[in-house]
Structure formats: C-alpha cells, structure tokens
PDB file of N, CA and C in Angstrom:
ATOM      1  N   UNK A   1     -37.622  -3.413  -5.142  1.00  0.00           N
ATOM      2  CA  UNK A   1     -36.386  -3.995  -5.247  1.00  0.00           C
ATOM      3  C   UNK A   1     -35.697  -4.866  -4.828  1.00  0.00           C
ATOM      4  N   UNK A   2     -34.920  -6.065  -5.570  1.00  0.00           N
ATOM      5  CA  UNK A   2     -34.500  -7.089  -4.936  1.00  0.00           C
ATOM      6  C   UNK A   2     -32.751  -6.637  -4.430  1.00  0.00           C
ATOM      7  N   UNK A   3     -32.422  -7.637  -3.762  1.00  0.00           N
ATOM      8  CA  UNK A   3     -31.028  -7.764  -3.188  1.00  0.00           C
ATOM      9  C   UNK A   3     -30.249  -7.333  -4.227  1.00  0.00           C
ATOM     10  N   UNK A   4     -30.424  -8.121  -5.523  1.00  0.00           N
ATOM     11  CA  UNK A   4     -29.578  -8.397  -6.841  1.00  0.00           C
ATOM     12  C   UNK A   4     -29.476  -7.183  -7.774  1.00  0.00           C
ATOM     13  N   UNK A   5     -30.437  -6.187  -7.275  1.00  0.00           N
ATOM     14  CA  UNK A   5     -30.673  -4.958  -7.953  1.00  0.00           C
ATOM     15  C   UNK A   5     -29.846  -3.888  -7.316  1.00  0.00           C
ATOM     16  N   UNK A   6     -29.524  -3.935  -6.164  1.00  0.00           N
ATOM     17  CA  UNK A   6     -29.052  -2.676  -5.559  1.00  0.00           C
ATOM     18  C   UNK A   6     -27.293  -2.763  -5.859  1.00  0.00           C
ATOM     19  N   UNK A   7     -26.935  -3.642  -6.375  1.00  0.00           N
ATOM     20  CA  UNK A   7     -24.977  -3.662  -6.156  1.00  0.00           C
ATOM     21  C   UNK A   7     -24.340  -3.410  -5.202  1.00  0.00           C
ATOM     22  N   UNK A   8     -24.860  -3.603  -4.260  1.00  0.00           N
ATOM     23  CA  UNK A   8     -23.956  -3.260  -2.678  1.00  0.00           C
ATOM     24  C   UNK A   8     -24.556  -4.376  -1.615  1.00  0.00           C
ATOM     25  N   UNK A   9     -23.594  -4.400  -0.825  1.00  0.00           N
ATOM     26  CA  UNK A   9     -24.427  -4.897   0.701  1.00  0.00           C
ATOM     27  C   UNK A   9     -25.680  -4.841   1.361  1.00  0.00           C
ATOM     28  N   UNK A  10     -26.291  -5.527   1.605  1.00  0.00           N
ATOM     29  CA  UNK A  10     -27.393  -5.776   2.470  1.00  0.00           C
ATOM     30  C   UNK A  10     -27.797  -6.914   3.094  1.00  0.00           C
ATOM     31  N   UNK A  11     -28.030  -6.153   4.602  1.00  0.00           N
ATOM     32  CA  UNK A  11     -27.659  -7.363   5.570  1.00  0.00           C
ATOM     33  C   UNK A  11     -29.151  -7.558   5.230  1.00  0.00           C
ATOM     34  N   UNK A  12     -29.197  -9.117   5.366  1.00  0.00           N
ATOM     35  CA  UNK A  12     -30.606 -10.126   5.748  1.00  0.00           C
ATOM     36  C   UNK A  12     -30.554 -10.790   6.427  1.00  0.00           C
ATOM     37  N   UNK A  13     -31.062 -10.038   7.950  1.00  0.00           N
ATOM     38  CA  UNK A  13     -31.403 -11.229   9.239  1.00  0.00           C
ATOM     39  C   UNK A  13     -31.668 -12.433   8.984  1.00  0.00           C
ATOM     40  N   UNK A  14     -32.322 -12.789   8.331  1.00  0.00           N
ATOM     41  CA  UNK A  14     -33.030 -14.439   8.068  1.00  0.00           C
ATOM     42  C   UNK A  14     -31.686 -14.997   7.709  1.00  0.00           C
ATOM     43  N   UNK A  15     -30.636 -14.431   6.963  1.00  0.00           N
ATOM     44  CA  UNK A  15     -29.980 -15.465   6.465  1.00  0.00           C
ATOM     45  C   UNK A  15     -28.661 -16.072   7.775  1.00  0.00           C
ATOM     46  N   UNK A  16     -28.950 -15.271   8.880  1.00  0.00           N
ATOM     47  CA  UNK A  16     -28.373 -15.907  10.250  1.00  0.00           C
ATOM     48  C   UNK A  16     -28.934 -17.129  10.770  1.00  0.00           C
ATOM     49  N   UNK A  17     -28.734 -17.611  11.569  1.00  0.00           N
ATOM     50  CA  UNK A  17     -29.589 -18.796  12.538  1.00  0.00           C
ATOM     51  C   UNK A  17     -29.129 -17.831  13.843  1.00  0.00           C
ATOM     52  N   UNK A  18     -29.853 -18.948  15.407  1.00  0.00           N
ATOM     53  CA  UNK A  18     -29.701 -17.590  15.975  1.00  0.00           C
ATOM     54  C   UNK A  18     -28.437 -17.716  16.899  1.00  0.00           C
ATOM     55  N   UNK A  19     -27.360 -18.427  16.458  1.00  0.00           N
ATOM     56  CA  UNK A  19     -26.264 -18.618  16.717  1.00  0.00           C
ATOM     57  C   UNK A  19     -25.203 -17.326  16.516  1.00  0.00           C
ATOM     58  N   UNK A  20     -25.837 -16.878  15.303  1.00  0.00           N
ATOM     59  CA  UNK A  20     -25.265 -15.877  14.411  1.00  0.00           C
ATOM     60  C   UNK A  20     -24.221 -16.255  13.091  1.00  0.00           C
ATOM     61  N   UNK A  21     -24.545 -17.405  12.873  1.00  0.00           N
ATOM     62  CA  UNK A  21     -23.707 -18.110  11.684  1.00  0.00           C
ATOM     63  C   UNK A  21     -24.767 -18.455  10.337  1.00  0.00           C
ATOM     64  N   UNK A  22     -24.004 -18.040   9.375  1.00  0.00           N
ATOM     65  CA  UNK A  22     -24.835 -17.818   8.175  1.00  0.00           C
ATOM     66  C   UNK A  22     -25.598 -19.335   7.640  1.00  0.00           C
ATOM     67  N   UNK A  23     -26.534 -18.855   7.274  1.00  0.00           N
ATOM     68  CA  UNK A  23     -27.315 -20.224   6.912  1.00  0.00           C
ATOM     69  C   UNK A  23     -27.039 -20.455   5.677  1.00  0.00           C
ATOM     70  N   UNK A  24     -27.285 -19.546   4.549  1.00  0.00           N
ATOM     71  CA  UNK A  24     -26.767 -19.352   3.212  1.00  0.00           C
ATOM     72  C   UNK A  24     -25.436 -18.724   2.876  1.00  0.00           C
ATOM     73  N   UNK A  25     -24.673 -19.833   2.144  1.00  0.00           N
ATOM     74  CA  UNK A  25     -23.306 -19.632   2.113  1.00  0.00           C
ATOM     75  C   UNK A  25     -22.829 -19.332   0.774  1.00  0.00           C
ATOM     76  N   UNK A  26     -24.087 -18.730  -0.416  1.00  0.00           N
ATOM     77  CA  UNK A  26     -23.834 -18.415  -1.702  1.00  0.00           C
ATOM     78  C   UNK A  26     -22.493 -16.887  -1.872  1.00  0.00           C
ATOM     79  N   UNK A  27     -22.782 -16.116  -1.067  1.00  0.00           N
ATOM     80  CA  UNK A  27     -21.680 -15.005  -1.002  1.00  0.00           C
ATOM     81  C   UNK A  27     -20.403 -15.357  -0.254  1.00  0.00           C
ATOM     82  N   UNK A  28     -20.008 -17.041  -0.009  1.00  0.00           N
ATOM     83  CA  UNK A  28     -18.604 -17.563   0.518  1.00  0.00           C
ATOM     84  C   UNK A  28     -17.796 -18.560  -0.056  1.00  0.00           C
ATOM     85  N   UNK A  29     -18.129 -18.360  -1.377  1.00  0.00           N
ATOM     86  CA  UNK A  29     -17.182 -18.813  -2.693  1.00  0.00           C
ATOM     87  C   UNK A  29     -15.386 -18.264  -2.470  1.00  0.00           C
ATOM     88  N   UNK A  30     -15.567 -17.470  -2.317  1.00  0.00           N
ATOM     89  CA  UNK A  30     -13.994 -16.658  -2.103  1.00  0.00           C
ATOM     90  C   UNK A  30     -13.588 -17.346  -1.021  1.00  0.00           C
ATOM     91  N   UNK A  31     -13.940 -17.624   0.114  1.00  0.00           N
ATOM     92  CA  UNK A  31     -13.428 -18.398   0.844  1.00  0.00           C
ATOM     93  C   UNK A  31     -12.808 -19.834   0.585  1.00  0.00           C
ATOM     94  N   UNK A  32     -13.846 -20.610   0.256  1.00  0.00           N
ATOM     95  CA  UNK A  32     -13.963 -22.185  -0.099  1.00  0.00           C
ATOM     96  C   UNK A  32     -12.941 -22.140  -1.801  1.00  0.00           C
ATOM     97  N   UNK A  33     -12.484 -21.147  -2.488  1.00  0.00           N
ATOM     98  CA  UNK A  33     -11.451 -21.369  -3.314  1.00  0.00           C
ATOM     99  C   UNK A  33     -10.956 -19.462  -3.833  1.00  0.00           C
ATOM    100  N   UNK A  34     -10.078 -19.340  -2.999  1.00  0.00           N
ATOM    101  CA  UNK A  34      -9.576 -18.318  -2.912  1.00  0.00           C
ATOM    102  C   UNK A  34      -8.454 -18.295  -3.995  1.00  0.00           C
ATOM    103  N   UNK A  35      -8.030 -17.020  -4.607  1.00  0.00           N
ATOM    104  CA  UNK A  35      -7.108 -16.907  -5.550  1.00  0.00           C
ATOM    105  C   UNK A  35      -6.098 -16.864  -5.338  1.00  0.00           C
ATOM    106  N   UNK A  36      -4.691 -17.698  -5.874  1.00  0.00           N
ATOM    107  CA  UNK A  36      -3.428 -17.689  -5.172  1.00  0.00           C
ATOM    108  C   UNK A  36      -2.811 -16.583  -5.320  1.00  0.00           C
ATOM    109  N   UNK A  37      -2.144 -15.432  -4.944  1.00  0.00           N
ATOM    110  CA  UNK A  37      -1.171 -14.868  -4.990  1.00  0.00           C
ATOM    111  C   UNK A  37      -0.668 -14.446  -6.602  1.00  0.00           C
ATOM    112  N   UNK A  38      -0.065 -15.770  -6.987  1.00  0.00           N
ATOM    113  CA  UNK A  38       0.414 -15.777  -8.238  1.00  0.00           C
ATOM    114  C   UNK A  38      -0.206 -15.609  -8.901  1.00  0.00           C
ATOM    115  N   UNK A  39      -1.438 -15.724  -9.107  1.00  0.00           N
ATOM    116  CA  UNK A  39      -2.488 -15.671 -10.443  1.00  0.00           C
ATOM    117  C   UNK A  39      -3.034 -14.241 -10.138  1.00  0.00           C
ATOM    118  N   UNK A  40      -2.964 -13.317  -9.288  1.00  0.00           N
ATOM    119  CA  UNK A  40      -3.631 -12.247  -9.217  1.00  0.00           C
ATOM    120  C   UNK A  40      -2.709 -11.580 -10.328  1.00  0.00           C
ATOM    121  N   UNK A  41      -3.142 -10.595 -10.772  1.00  0.00           N
ATOM    122  CA  UNK A  41      -2.734  -9.540 -11.555  1.00  0.00           C
ATOM    123  C   UNK A  41      -1.459  -7.913 -11.382  1.00  0.00           C
ATOM    124  N   UNK A  42      -0.495  -8.772 -10.963  1.00  0.00           N
ATOM    125  CA  UNK A  42       0.279  -8.110 -10.226  1.00  0.00           C
ATOM    126  C   UNK A  42       1.515  -8.342 -10.993  1.00  0.00           C
ATOM    127  N   UNK A  43       1.939  -7.234 -11.560  1.00  0.00           N
ATOM    128  CA  UNK A  43       3.845  -7.594 -11.961  1.00  0.00           C
ATOM    129  C   UNK A  43       4.572  -6.344 -11.729  1.00  0.00           C
ATOM    130  N   UNK A  44       5.652  -6.637 -11.486  1.00  0.00           N
ATOM    131  CA  UNK A  44       6.371  -5.575 -11.687  1.00  0.00           C
ATOM    132  C   UNK A  44       6.998  -4.463 -12.729  1.00  0.00           C
ATOM    133  N   UNK A  45       6.346  -3.412 -13.242  1.00  0.00           N
ATOM    134  CA  UNK A  45       6.099  -2.431 -14.151  1.00  0.00           C
ATOM    135  C   UNK A  45       6.860  -1.261 -13.495  1.00  0.00           C
ATOM    136  N   UNK A  46       6.708  -0.212 -14.302  1.00  0.00           N
ATOM    137  CA  UNK A  46       6.915   1.140 -13.939  1.00  0.00           C
ATOM    138  C   UNK A  46       6.998   1.666 -12.557  1.00  0.00           C
ATOM    139  N   UNK A  47       5.959   1.065 -12.339  1.00  0.00           N
ATOM    140  CA  UNK A  47       5.484   1.755 -10.714  1.00  0.00           C
ATOM    141  C   UNK A  47       6.529   0.937  -9.620  1.00  0.00           C
ATOM    142  N   UNK A  48       7.002  -0.240  -9.318  1.00  0.00           N
ATOM    143  CA  UNK A  48       7.854  -0.763  -9.353  1.00  0.00           C
ATOM    144  C   UNK A  48       9.479  -0.374  -8.883  1.00  0.00           C
ATOM    145  N   UNK A  49       9.681   0.023 -10.312  1.00  0.00           N
ATOM    146  CA  UNK A  49      10.753   0.890 -11.074  1.00  0.00           C
ATOM    147  C   UNK A  49      10.833   2.430  -9.950  1.00  0.00           C
ATOM    148  N   UNK A  50       9.414   3.135 -10.170  1.00  0.00           N
ATOM    149  CA  UNK A  50       9.635   4.156  -9.285  1.00  0.00           C
ATOM    150  C   UNK A  50      10.176   3.831  -7.719  1.00  0.00           C
ATOM    151  N   UNK A  51       9.403   3.444  -7.329  1.00  0.00           N
ATOM    152  CA  UNK A  51       9.822   2.636  -6.207  1.00  0.00           C
ATOM    153  C   UNK A  51      11.464   2.101  -5.863  1.00  0.00           C
ATOM    154  N   UNK A  52      12.049   1.790  -6.721  1.00  0.00           N
ATOM    155  CA  UNK A  52      13.428   1.209  -6.362  1.00  0.00           C
ATOM    156  C   UNK A  52      14.495   2.791  -6.850  1.00  0.00           C
ATOM    157  N   UNK A  53      13.866   3.567  -7.451  1.00  0.00           N
ATOM    158  CA  UNK A  53      14.635   4.833  -7.867  1.00  0.00           C
ATOM    159  C   UNK A  53      14.367   5.644  -6.410  1.00  0.00           C
ATOM    160  N   UNK A  54      13.264   5.382  -5.726  1.00  0.00           N
ATOM    161  CA  UNK A  54      13.230   6.045  -4.789  1.00  0.00           C
ATOM    162  C   UNK A  54      13.805   5.708  -3.352  1.00  0.00           C
ATOM    163  N   UNK A  55      14.303   4.393  -3.486  1.00  0.00           N
ATOM    164  CA  UNK A  55      15.063   3.665  -2.891  1.00  0.00           C
ATOM    165  C   UNK A  55      16.562   4.042  -2.609  1.00  0.00           C
ATOM    166  N   UNK A  56      16.710   4.043  -3.850  1.00  0.00           N
ATOM    167  CA  UNK A  56      18.450   4.466  -4.054  1.00  0.00           C
ATOM    168  C   UNK A  56      18.356   5.659  -4.038  1.00  0.00           C
ATOM    169  N   UNK A  57      17.478   6.735  -4.305  1.00  0.00           N
ATOM    170  CA  UNK A  57      17.595   8.242  -3.462  1.00  0.00           C
ATOM    171  C   UNK A  57      17.541   8.063  -1.952  1.00  0.00           C
ATOM    172  N   UNK A  58      16.858   7.507  -1.264  1.00  0.00           N
ATOM    173  CA  UNK A  58      16.936   7.389  -0.058  1.00  0.00           C
ATOM    174  C   UNK A  58      17.925   6.697   0.876  1.00  0.00           C
ATOM    175  N   UNK A  59      18.494   6.406   0.263  1.00  0.00           N
ATOM    176  CA  UNK A  59      19.610   5.043   0.932  1.00  0.00           C
ATOM    177  C   UNK A  59      20.717   5.458   0.253  1.00  0.00           C
ATOM    178  N   UNK A  60      21.004   5.850  -0.796  1.00  0.00           N
ATOM    179  CA  UNK A  60      22.397   6.111  -1.524  1.00  0.00           C
ATOM    180  C   UNK A  60      22.652   7.378  -1.753  1.00  0.00           C
ATOM    181  N   UNK A  61      22.082   8.356  -2.540  1.00  0.00           N
ATOM    182  CA  UNK A  61      21.751   9.969  -3.153  1.00  0.00           C
ATOM    183  C   UNK A  61      21.949  10.631  -1.695  1.00  0.00           C
ATOM    184  N   UNK A  62      20.715  10.521  -0.845  1.00  0.00           N
ATOM    185  CA  UNK A  62      20.734  11.416   0.097  1.00  0.00           C
ATOM    186  C   UNK A  62      21.744  11.121   1.194  1.00  0.00           C
ATOM    187  N   UNK A  63      22.355   9.918   1.486  1.00  0.00           N
ATOM    188  CA  UNK A  63      23.705  10.437   2.196  1.00  0.00           C
ATOM    189  C   UNK A  63      24.856  10.821   1.996  1.00  0.00           C
ATOM    190  N   UNK A  64      24.794  10.633   0.709  1.00  0.00           N
ATOM    191  CA  UNK A  64      26.185  10.692  -0.097  1.00  0.00           C
ATOM    192  C   UNK A  64      25.944  12.895   0.221  1.00  0.00           C
ATOM    193  N   UNK A  65      24.993  13.243  -0.014  1.00  0.00           N
ATOM    194  CA  UNK A  65      24.632  14.312   0.006  1.00  0.00           C
ATOM    195  C   UNK A  65      25.363  15.235   1.338  1.00  0.00           C
ATOM    196  N   UNK A  66      24.069  14.163   2.253  1.00  0.00           N
ATOM    197  CA  UNK A  66      24.494  15.109   3.276  1.00  0.00           C
ATOM    198  C   UNK A  66      26.181  14.595   4.189  1.00  0.00           C
ATOM    199  N   UNK A  67      26.660  13.683   3.592  1.00  0.00           N
ATOM    200  CA  UNK A  67      27.987  13.630   3.536  1.00  0.00           C
ATOM    201  C   UNK A  67      28.873  14.479   2.512  1.00  0.00           C
ATOM    202  N   UNK A  68      28.699  14.896   1.451  1.00  0.00           N
ATOM    203  CA  UNK A  68      29.430  15.848   0.828  1.00  0.00           C
ATOM    204  C   UNK A  68      28.930  17.275   1.460  1.00  0.00           C
ATOM    205  N   UNK A  69      27.827  17.441   1.834  1.00  0.00           N
ATOM    206  CA  UNK A  69      27.489  19.095   1.974  1.00  0.00           C
ATOM    207  C   UNK A  69      28.178  19.401   3.458  1.00  0.00           C
ATOM    208  N   UNK A  70      28.663  20.199   3.353  1.00  0.00           N
ATOM    209  CA  UNK A  70      29.170  20.535   4.716  1.00  0.00           C
ATOM    210  C   UNK A  70      28.130  21.230   5.688  1.00  0.00           C
ATOM    211  N   UNK A  71      27.986  20.520   6.696  1.00  0.00           N
ATOM    212  CA  UNK A  71      27.193  21.117   7.782  1.00  0.00           C
ATOM    213  C   UNK A  71      27.064  22.378   8.083  1.00  0.00           C
ATOM    214  N   UNK A  72      28.375  22.769   8.441  1.00  0.00           N
ATOM    215  CA  UNK A  72      28.437  24.089   8.813  1.00  0.00           C
ATOM    216  C   UNK A  72      27.752  25.065   8.446  1.00  0.00           C
ATOM    217  N   UNK A  73      27.310  24.934   7.015  1.00  0.00           N
ATOM    218  CA  UNK A  73      26.186  25.859   5.929  1.00  0.00           C
ATOM    219  C   UNK A  73      25.311  26.133   6.391  1.00  0.00           C
ATOM    220  N   UNK A  74      24.633  25.301   6.865  1.00  0.00           N
ATOM    221  CA  UNK A  74      23.179  24.941   7.041  1.00  0.00           C
ATOM    222  C   UNK A  74      22.939  24.671   8.316  1.00  0.00           C
ATOM    223  N   UNK A  75      23.977  24.454   9.264  1.00  0.00           N
ATOM    224  CA  UNK A  75      23.277  23.792  10.365  1.00  0.00           C
ATOM    225  C   UNK A  75      23.287  22.290  10.577  1.00  0.00           C
ATOM    226  N   UNK A  76      23.691  21.286  11.577  1.00  0.00           N
ATOM    227  CA  UNK A  76      23.658  20.486  11.967  1.00  0.00           C
ATOM    228  C   UNK A  76      22.179  19.736  11.685  1.00  0.00           C
ATOM    229  N   UNK A  77      21.540  20.513  12.554  1.00  0.00           N
ATOM    230  CA  UNK A  77      19.503  19.742  12.301  1.00  0.00           C
ATOM    231  C   UNK A  77      19.753  19.331  11.128  1.00  0.00           C
ATOM    232  N   UNK A  78      19.557  20.557  10.324  1.00  0.00           N
ATOM    233  CA  UNK A  78      19.142  20.587   8.834  1.00  0.00           C
ATOM    234  C   UNK A  78      19.630  19.661   8.101  1.00  0.00           C
ATOM    235  N   UNK A  79      20.835  19.175   8.250  1.00  0.00           N
ATOM    236  CA  UNK A  79      22.161  18.658   7.359  1.00  0.00           C
ATOM    237  C   UNK A  79      21.476  17.229   7.426  1.00  0.00           C
ATOM    238  N   UNK A  80      21.569  16.692   9.063  1.00  0.00           N
ATOM    239  CA  UNK A  80      21.722  15.909   9.904  1.00  0.00           C
ATOM    240  C   UNK A  80      20.304  14.759   9.726  1.00  0.00           C
ATOM    241  N   UNK A  81      19.318  15.654  10.583  1.00  0.00           N
ATOM    242  CA  UNK A  81      18.154  15.177  10.841  1.00  0.00           C
ATOM    243  C   UNK A  81      17.111  15.909  10.060  1.00  0.00           C
ATOM    244  N   UNK A  82      16.985  16.843   9.487  1.00  0.00           N
ATOM    245  CA  UNK A  82      15.585  17.252   8.639  1.00  0.00           C
ATOM    246  C   UNK A  82      15.833  16.970   7.015  1.00  0.00           C
ATOM    247  N   UNK A  83      16.771  17.292   6.459  1.00  0.00           N
ATOM    248  CA  UNK A  83      17.333  17.049   5.373  1.00  0.00           C
ATOM    249  C   UNK A  83      16.916  15.564   4.711  1.00  0.00           C
ATOM    250  N   UNK A  84      17.484  14.091   5.437  1.00  0.00           N
ATOM    251  CA  UNK A  84      17.060  12.825   5.236  1.00  0.00           C
ATOM    252  C   UNK A  84      15.602  12.930   5.474  1.00  0.00           C
ATOM    253  N   UNK A  85      14.977  13.897   6.039  1.00  0.00           N
ATOM    254  CA  UNK A  85      13.337  13.267   5.687  1.00  0.00           C
ATOM    255  C   UNK A  85      12.603  13.292   4.720  1.00  0.00           C
ATOM    256  N   UNK A  86      13.246  14.597   4.177  1.00  0.00           N
ATOM    257  CA  UNK A  86      12.631  14.775   2.523  1.00  0.00           C
ATOM    258  C   UNK A  86      12.280  13.381   1.831  1.00  0.00           C
ATOM    259  N   UNK A  87      13.645  12.914   1.575  1.00  0.00           N
ATOM    260  CA  UNK A  87      13.645  11.611   0.817  1.00  0.00           C
ATOM    261  C   UNK A  87      12.749  10.144   1.299  1.00  0.00           C
ATOM    262  N   UNK A  88      13.051  10.165   2.571  1.00  0.00           N
ATOM    263  CA  UNK A  88      12.076   9.096   3.583  1.00  0.00           C
ATOM    264  C   UNK A  88      10.574   9.694   2.655  1.00  0.00           C
ATOM    265  N   UNK A  89      10.048  10.712   3.845  1.00  0.00           N
ATOM    266  CA  UNK A  89       8.925  10.858   3.018  1.00  0.00           C
ATOM    267  C   UNK A  89       8.359  10.600   1.969  1.00  0.00           C
ATOM    268  N   UNK A  90       9.136  11.400   0.563  1.00  0.00           N
ATOM    269  CA  UNK A  90       8.581  10.670  -0.556  1.00  0.00           C
ATOM    270  C   UNK A  90       8.956   9.104  -0.701  1.00  0.00           C
ATOM    271  N   UNK A  91      10.024   8.235  -0.431  1.00  0.00           N
ATOM    272  CA  UNK A  91       9.928   6.952  -0.300  1.00  0.00           C
ATOM    273  C   UNK A  91       8.485   6.605  -0.176  1.00  0.00           C
ATOM    274  N   UNK A  92       8.288   6.632   1.290  1.00  0.00           N
ATOM    275  CA  UNK A  92       6.473   6.479   1.988  1.00  0.00           C
ATOM    276  C   UNK A  92       5.364   6.502   0.695  1.00  0.00           C
ATOM    277  N   UNK A  93       5.547   7.805   0.185  1.00  0.00           N
ATOM    278  CA  UNK A  93       4.892   8.082  -0.727  1.00  0.00           C
ATOM    279  C   UNK A  93       4.499   7.129  -1.741  1.00  0.00           C
ATOM    280  N   UNK A  94       5.784   7.124  -1.926  1.00  0.00           N
ATOM    281  CA  UNK A  94       6.206   6.719  -3.479  1.00  0.00           C
ATOM    282  C   UNK A  94       5.720   4.990  -3.303  1.00  0.00           C
ATOM    283  N   UNK A  95       5.940   4.159  -2.141  1.00  0.00           N
ATOM    284  CA  UNK A  95       5.750   2.874  -1.824  1.00  0.00           C
ATOM    285  C   UNK A  95       4.360   2.849  -1.444  1.00  0.00           C
ATOM    286  N   UNK A  96       3.650   3.754  -0.684  1.00  0.00           N
ATOM    287  CA  UNK A  96       1.998   3.416  -0.630  1.00  0.00           C
ATOM    288  C   UNK A  96       1.090   3.475  -2.480  1.00  0.00           C
ATOM    289  N   UNK A  97       1.726   4.507  -3.057  1.00  0.00           N
ATOM    290  CA  UNK A  97       1.204   4.393  -4.483  1.00  0.00           C
ATOM    291  C   UNK A  97       1.783   3.106  -5.205  1.00  0.00           C
ATOM    292  N   UNK A  98       2.832   2.988  -5.112  1.00  0.00           N
ATOM    293  CA  UNK A  98       3.101   2.259  -5.898  1.00  0.00           C
ATOM    294  C   UNK A  98       2.551   0.311  -6.044  1.00  0.00           C
ATOM    295  N   UNK A  99       2.126   0.517  -4.353  1.00  0.00           N
ATOM    296  CA  UNK A  99       1.577  -0.778  -3.951  1.00  0.00           C
ATOM    297  C   UNK A  99       0.339  -0.746  -4.175  1.00  0.00           C
ATOM    298  N   UNK A 100      -0.514   0.080  -4.194  1.00  0.00           N
ATOM    299  CA  UNK A 100      -2.185   0.075  -4.654  1.00  0.00           C
ATOM    300  C   UNK A 100      -2.423   0.132  -6.094  1.00  0.00           C
ATOM    301  N   UNK A 101      -3.572  -0.660  -6.365  1.00  0.00           N
ATOM    302  CA  UNK A 101      -3.855  -0.963  -7.507  1.00  0.00           C
ATOM    303  C   UNK A 101      -4.855   0.065  -7.868  1.00  0.00           C
ATOM    304  N   UNK A 102      -5.708   0.435  -8.830  1.00  0.00           N
ATOM    305  CA  UNK A 102      -7.220   1.020  -8.761  1.00  0.00           C
ATOM    306  C   UNK A 102      -7.922  -0.166  -8.721  1.00  0.00           C
TER     307      UNK A 102
END
C-alpha cells in the first residue's frame, strides 16, 4: 500500500535531512499559496443571527429581567449572580456552535 492510498498522514523519515528540515516540499503548497480569509466560504448566515440573538438576550434582556424581578422573592445570590450565568452559558455555546463549520 503506498502513501497515496492510505488517505492520511504517514511519517516518512526519508523526507527529512539530518537537521530535521524537509527535503521535499510537495505537501507545503498551502504555506506558499495560502487562501485569503475573504476567499474562504464564510458568510453571515442564520448562525450569525443566532449568535446576535444570544448577545441581545445576554446583554439586554437578562439585565432587564434582573432589574424588574424583585430579588427578595428568590434571594440576591440567585437574582444577581446565578440567573445571569444561564444566558452567558448559552451565549458561549452559541458562539462556539456558530463559528465552527462542519
């Protein structure tokens, strides 16, 4: 089986000289001709709007709810510390989900 049939990385010690430098640069074309970020397939689609919605929820809606919800009913610790953590957690998850592409 040759290295072109395996579909993955195969370490070839003969491809390196005594100093550890590569002797063949056939795999290094992406270093010489990198893709510009504007040419990559990245658009502001519905994933971006989900992240924007989570930002609005986290920085506008949640503080308004904390302000209008009397902390005496649930305790200061829950109203001012624990409750705002939920939208922040969802914002973090949405940001990771929205910025990763399959």
